[in-house]
């Protein structure tokens, strides 16, 4: 349903949920202006881009432009400036991996497409943003409790522990997760099934306790 609100285009109808996919590496200057005009009328935004360094960094730039007017629901666990912009994180980028569809490796058409496009079907990196306009709902569903972190990219595994690039309000940095602290979580990371949002208790860089985030089902009144 459309609504009206004050803002960059006061009185203009809302577009509700705006879905944006794979546009940043193709935008012209005119296309960028048109996209911003639509963003100004959106109540919520679901934005997906390739998981490359350049596309992720471009999406981070958009995140910083939009966070004055929108709440950051995902992948961010906080509302502060992106920790990837710190000088020490210049080599990193915010990306995640999607599981490939079942049976895709046995599909000859997909295999030929992957060979021609130079795509590894076993690894599907992407970057994304989920936003909701401030003041639309109070409190806004989907906001994480304070203190949670998100795992960026893939953990690196060593004997007895894993290194995790962790994003939280205090910035982006590596933490060490010993196997004895959370063996099931580490096993889930190895299988690409483990939760990616956790609350760490740290002693320096080393994790001493883990609380995985378990989303609650929304309750509806009948």
Protein backbone atom coordinates (compact mmCIF):
# COMPACT_ATOMS: atom_id res chain seq x y z
CA UNK A 1 0.00 0.00 0.00
CA UNK A 2 1.25 3.48 -0.81
CA UNK A 3 1.67 6.15 1.84
CA UNK A 4 2.78 9.78 1.95
CA UNK A 5 5.53 11.27 4.09
CA UNK A 6 7.72 14.31 4.43
CA UNK A 7 11.20 13.85 3.02
CA UNK A 8 13.26 14.45 -0.08
CA UNK A 9 10.08 14.16 -2.15
CA UNK A 10 7.40 15.37 0.24
CA UNK A 11 3.98 14.10 -0.73
CA UNK A 12 5.32 11.52 -3.19
CA UNK A 13 3.85 8.03 -2.85
CA UNK A 14 5.99 5.42 -1.16
CA UNK A 15 7.27 2.52 -3.24
CA UNK A 16 7.14 0.23 -0.18
CA UNK A 17 9.80 -2.47 -0.44
CA UNK A 18 12.47 -1.68 -3.03
CA UNK A 19 14.50 -4.63 -4.34
CA UNK A 20 17.81 -3.69 -5.98
CA UNK A 21 20.05 -6.31 -7.58
CA UNK A 22 23.40 -6.14 -9.36
CA UNK A 23 23.32 -2.51 -10.52
CA UNK A 24 26.29 -0.69 -9.01
CA UNK A 25 28.84 -1.80 -11.60
CA UNK A 26 26.53 -0.70 -14.45
CA UNK A 27 25.16 2.64 -13.23
CA UNK A 28 25.65 5.74 -15.34
CA UNK A 29 25.55 9.17 -13.69
CA UNK A 30 21.93 9.59 -14.79
CA UNK A 31 21.09 6.09 -13.56
CA UNK A 32 22.61 6.89 -10.19
CA UNK A 33 20.41 9.97 -9.84
CA UNK A 34 17.32 7.97 -10.81
CA UNK A 35 18.19 5.26 -8.28
CA UNK A 36 18.56 7.83 -5.49
CA UNK A 37 15.17 9.29 -6.34
CA UNK A 38 13.56 5.88 -5.93
CA UNK A 39 15.51 5.21 -2.73
CA UNK A 40 14.15 8.48 -1.34
CA UNK A 41 10.63 7.04 -1.69
CA UNK A 42 11.34 3.56 -0.32
CA UNK A 43 10.09 2.34 3.05
CA UNK A 44 12.48 -0.62 3.03
CA UNK A 45 15.33 -1.77 0.79
CA UNK A 46 16.66 -5.23 -0.02
CA UNK A 47 19.88 -4.75 -1.99
CA UNK A 48 22.10 -7.54 -3.37
CA UNK A 49 25.36 -7.11 -5.28
CA UNK A 50 28.18 -9.46 -6.33
CA UNK A 51 30.64 -10.32 -3.58
CA UNK A 52 33.63 -8.73 -5.29
CA UNK A 53 35.89 -6.19 -3.59
CA UNK A 54 34.80 -3.36 -5.91
CA UNK A 55 31.06 -4.05 -5.66
CA UNK A 56 31.18 -4.53 -1.90
CA UNK A 57 33.06 -1.28 -1.42
CA UNK A 58 30.56 0.54 -3.66
CA UNK A 59 27.70 -0.86 -1.56
CA UNK A 60 29.44 0.31 1.62
CA UNK A 61 29.52 3.81 0.13
CA UNK A 62 25.75 3.58 -0.45
CA UNK A 63 25.30 2.30 3.12
CA UNK A 64 27.04 5.38 4.49
CA UNK A 65 24.90 7.66 2.31
CA UNK A 66 21.66 5.99 3.44
CA UNK A 67 22.19 5.38 7.16
CA UNK A 68 21.05 8.87 8.10
CA UNK A 69 17.54 8.04 6.85
CA UNK A 70 17.44 4.24 7.22
CA UNK A 71 17.96 1.69 9.97
CA UNK A 72 20.58 -0.93 9.11
CA UNK A 73 19.01 -4.36 9.64
CA UNK A 74 21.53 -6.64 7.92
CA UNK A 75 24.29 -7.61 7.53
CA UNK A 76 25.18 -4.85 9.98
CA UNK A 77 24.73 -5.57 13.68
CA UNK A 78 24.90 -1.86 14.59
CA UNK A 79 24.05 1.62 13.29
CA UNK A 80 27.55 3.11 13.38
CA UNK A 81 29.95 3.86 10.54
CA UNK A 82 31.15 0.79 8.65
CA UNK A 83 34.28 -0.66 10.22
CA UNK A 84 35.58 -1.66 6.80
CA UNK A 85 36.37 2.03 6.21
CA UNK A 86 39.09 2.03 8.87
CA UNK A 87 42.56 2.27 7.26
CA UNK A 88 43.66 -1.05 8.74
CA UNK A 89 40.76 -2.82 6.97
CA UNK A 90 41.43 -1.42 3.52
CA UNK A 91 42.22 -4.90 2.13
CA UNK A 92 38.93 -6.39 3.41
CA UNK A 93 35.41 -6.22 2.00
CA UNK A 94 31.96 -7.19 3.32
CA UNK A 95 30.94 -10.39 1.54
CA UNK A 96 29.15 -13.62 2.31
CA UNK A 97 28.59 -16.96 0.59
CA UNK A 98 25.31 -18.48 -0.57
CA UNK A 99 24.90 -22.27 -0.88
CA UNK A 100 24.46 -23.36 -4.51
CA UNK A 101 21.09 -24.83 -5.54
CA UNK A 102 20.86 -28.63 -5.07
CA UNK A 103 21.99 -30.61 -8.08
CA UNK A 104 23.52 -27.67 -9.90
CA UNK A 105 26.85 -29.44 -10.36
CA UNK A 106 25.07 -32.26 -12.20
CA UNK A 107 23.32 -29.87 -14.60
CA UNK A 108 25.33 -29.75 -17.83
CA UNK A 109 23.82 -26.38 -18.83
CA UNK A 110 24.95 -24.75 -15.59
CA UNK A 111 28.37 -26.39 -15.84
CA UNK A 112 28.88 -25.02 -19.37
CA UNK A 113 27.66 -21.58 -18.28
CA UNK A 114 30.10 -21.57 -15.33
CA UNK A 115 32.99 -22.54 -17.59
CA UNK A 116 32.21 -19.75 -20.07
CA UNK A 117 31.63 -17.13 -17.39
CA UNK A 118 34.55 -18.21 -15.20
CA UNK A 119 32.26 -18.81 -12.19
CA UNK A 120 32.91 -21.35 -9.44
CA UNK A 121 29.47 -22.87 -8.79
CA UNK A 122 30.64 -24.22 -5.44
CA UNK A 123 31.25 -20.70 -4.11
CA UNK A 124 28.69 -17.96 -4.64
CA UNK A 125 29.90 -14.73 -2.98
CA UNK A 126 27.52 -11.81 -2.57
CA UNK A 127 27.18 -8.51 -0.72
CA UNK A 128 23.88 -7.23 0.58
CA UNK A 129 22.02 -4.62 2.60
CA UNK A 130 18.64 -4.73 4.33
CA UNK A 131 17.32 -1.31 5.33
CA UNK A 132 14.13 0.12 6.82
CA UNK A 133 13.27 3.79 6.91
CA UNK A 134 13.64 5.34 10.34
CA UNK A 135 10.36 6.01 12.13
CA UNK A 136 8.35 3.60 10.00
CA UNK A 137 7.82 1.20 12.91
CA UNK A 138 8.73 1.66 16.55
CA UNK A 139 10.41 -0.52 17.57
CA UNK A 140 11.56 -1.80 14.20
CA UNK A 141 11.46 -5.60 13.92
CA UNK A 142 14.76 -7.09 12.84
CA UNK A 143 17.09 -4.90 14.86
CA UNK A 144 19.65 -7.04 16.68
CA UNK A 145 20.23 -6.72 20.41
CA UNK A 146 23.38 -4.85 21.37
CA UNK A 147 26.68 -6.67 21.45
CA UNK A 148 26.31 -9.07 18.53
CA UNK A 149 28.87 -9.54 15.76
CA UNK A 150 28.64 -10.92 12.24
CA UNK A 151 31.14 -13.26 10.61
CA UNK A 152 32.45 -11.80 7.35
CA UNK A 153 33.50 -14.07 4.49
CA UNK A 154 34.72 -17.53 5.50
CA UNK A 155 36.61 -18.48 8.69
CA UNK A 156 40.20 -19.66 8.25
CA UNK A 157 40.85 -22.99 9.92
CA UNK A 158 43.99 -23.98 11.82
CA UNK A 159 44.86 -26.80 14.18
CA UNK A 160 42.53 -26.46 17.16
CA UNK A 161 41.02 -23.07 16.27
CA UNK A 162 39.67 -20.84 13.54
CA UNK A 163 40.29 -17.18 12.76
CA UNK A 164 37.10 -15.22 12.11
CA UNK A 165 36.83 -11.77 10.57
CA UNK A 166 34.23 -10.28 12.89
CA UNK A 167 32.17 -7.10 12.37
CA UNK A 168 30.64 -5.30 15.36
CA UNK A 169 29.98 -1.78 16.65
CA UNK A 170 33.61 -1.49 17.81
CA UNK A 171 34.92 -2.17 14.32
CA UNK A 172 36.06 -5.04 12.11
CA UNK A 173 38.84 -7.32 13.34
CA UNK A 174 40.05 -10.89 13.51
CA UNK A 175 39.14 -13.03 16.52
CA UNK A 176 40.42 -16.52 17.35
CA UNK A 177 37.79 -19.15 18.10
CA UNK A 178 39.26 -22.23 19.86
CA UNK A 179 37.62 -25.54 19.02
CA UNK A 180 37.21 -26.42 22.71
CA UNK A 181 35.12 -23.26 23.29
CA UNK A 182 32.49 -23.98 20.62
CA UNK A 183 33.11 -27.32 18.83
CA UNK A 184 29.63 -27.47 17.25
CA UNK A 185 29.84 -23.90 15.98
CA UNK A 186 33.24 -24.59 14.45
CA UNK A 187 31.87 -27.73 12.84
CA UNK A 188 29.00 -25.69 11.43
CA UNK A 189 31.45 -23.16 10.00
CA UNK A 190 33.33 -25.98 8.26
CA UNK A 191 30.07 -27.23 6.73
CA UNK A 192 28.88 -23.68 5.88
CA UNK A 193 25.80 -24.25 8.06
CA UNK A 194 26.79 -22.49 11.29
CA UNK A 195 25.15 -19.24 12.47
CA UNK A 196 26.94 -16.13 11.25
CA UNK A 197 25.74 -13.79 14.01
CA UNK A 198 27.16 -14.36 17.49
CA UNK A 199 28.01 -12.54 20.69
CA UNK A 200 31.64 -13.11 21.62
CA UNK A 201 33.24 -12.90 25.04
CA UNK A 202 36.90 -12.15 24.47
CA UNK A 203 40.18 -12.28 26.30
CA UNK A 204 42.23 -10.08 24.04
CA UNK A 205 41.74 -11.56 20.59
CA UNK A 206 40.72 -15.02 21.80
CA UNK A 207 37.07 -16.03 22.20
CA UNK A 208 36.27 -17.46 25.64
CA UNK A 209 32.50 -17.85 25.24
CA UNK A 210 30.05 -17.77 22.32
CA UNK A 211 26.33 -16.95 22.24
CA UNK A 212 24.93 -17.65 18.75
CA UNK A 213 22.01 -15.45 17.77
CA UNK A 214 18.77 -17.41 17.46
CA UNK A 215 16.04 -15.35 15.74
CA UNK A 216 12.66 -15.48 17.40
CA UNK A 217 9.61 -16.33 15.33
CA UNK A 218 7.22 -13.42 15.04
CA UNK A 219 4.09 -13.97 17.09
CA UNK A 220 0.78 -13.18 15.41
CA UNK A 221 -2.55 -12.69 17.11
CA UNK A 222 -5.35 -14.83 15.74
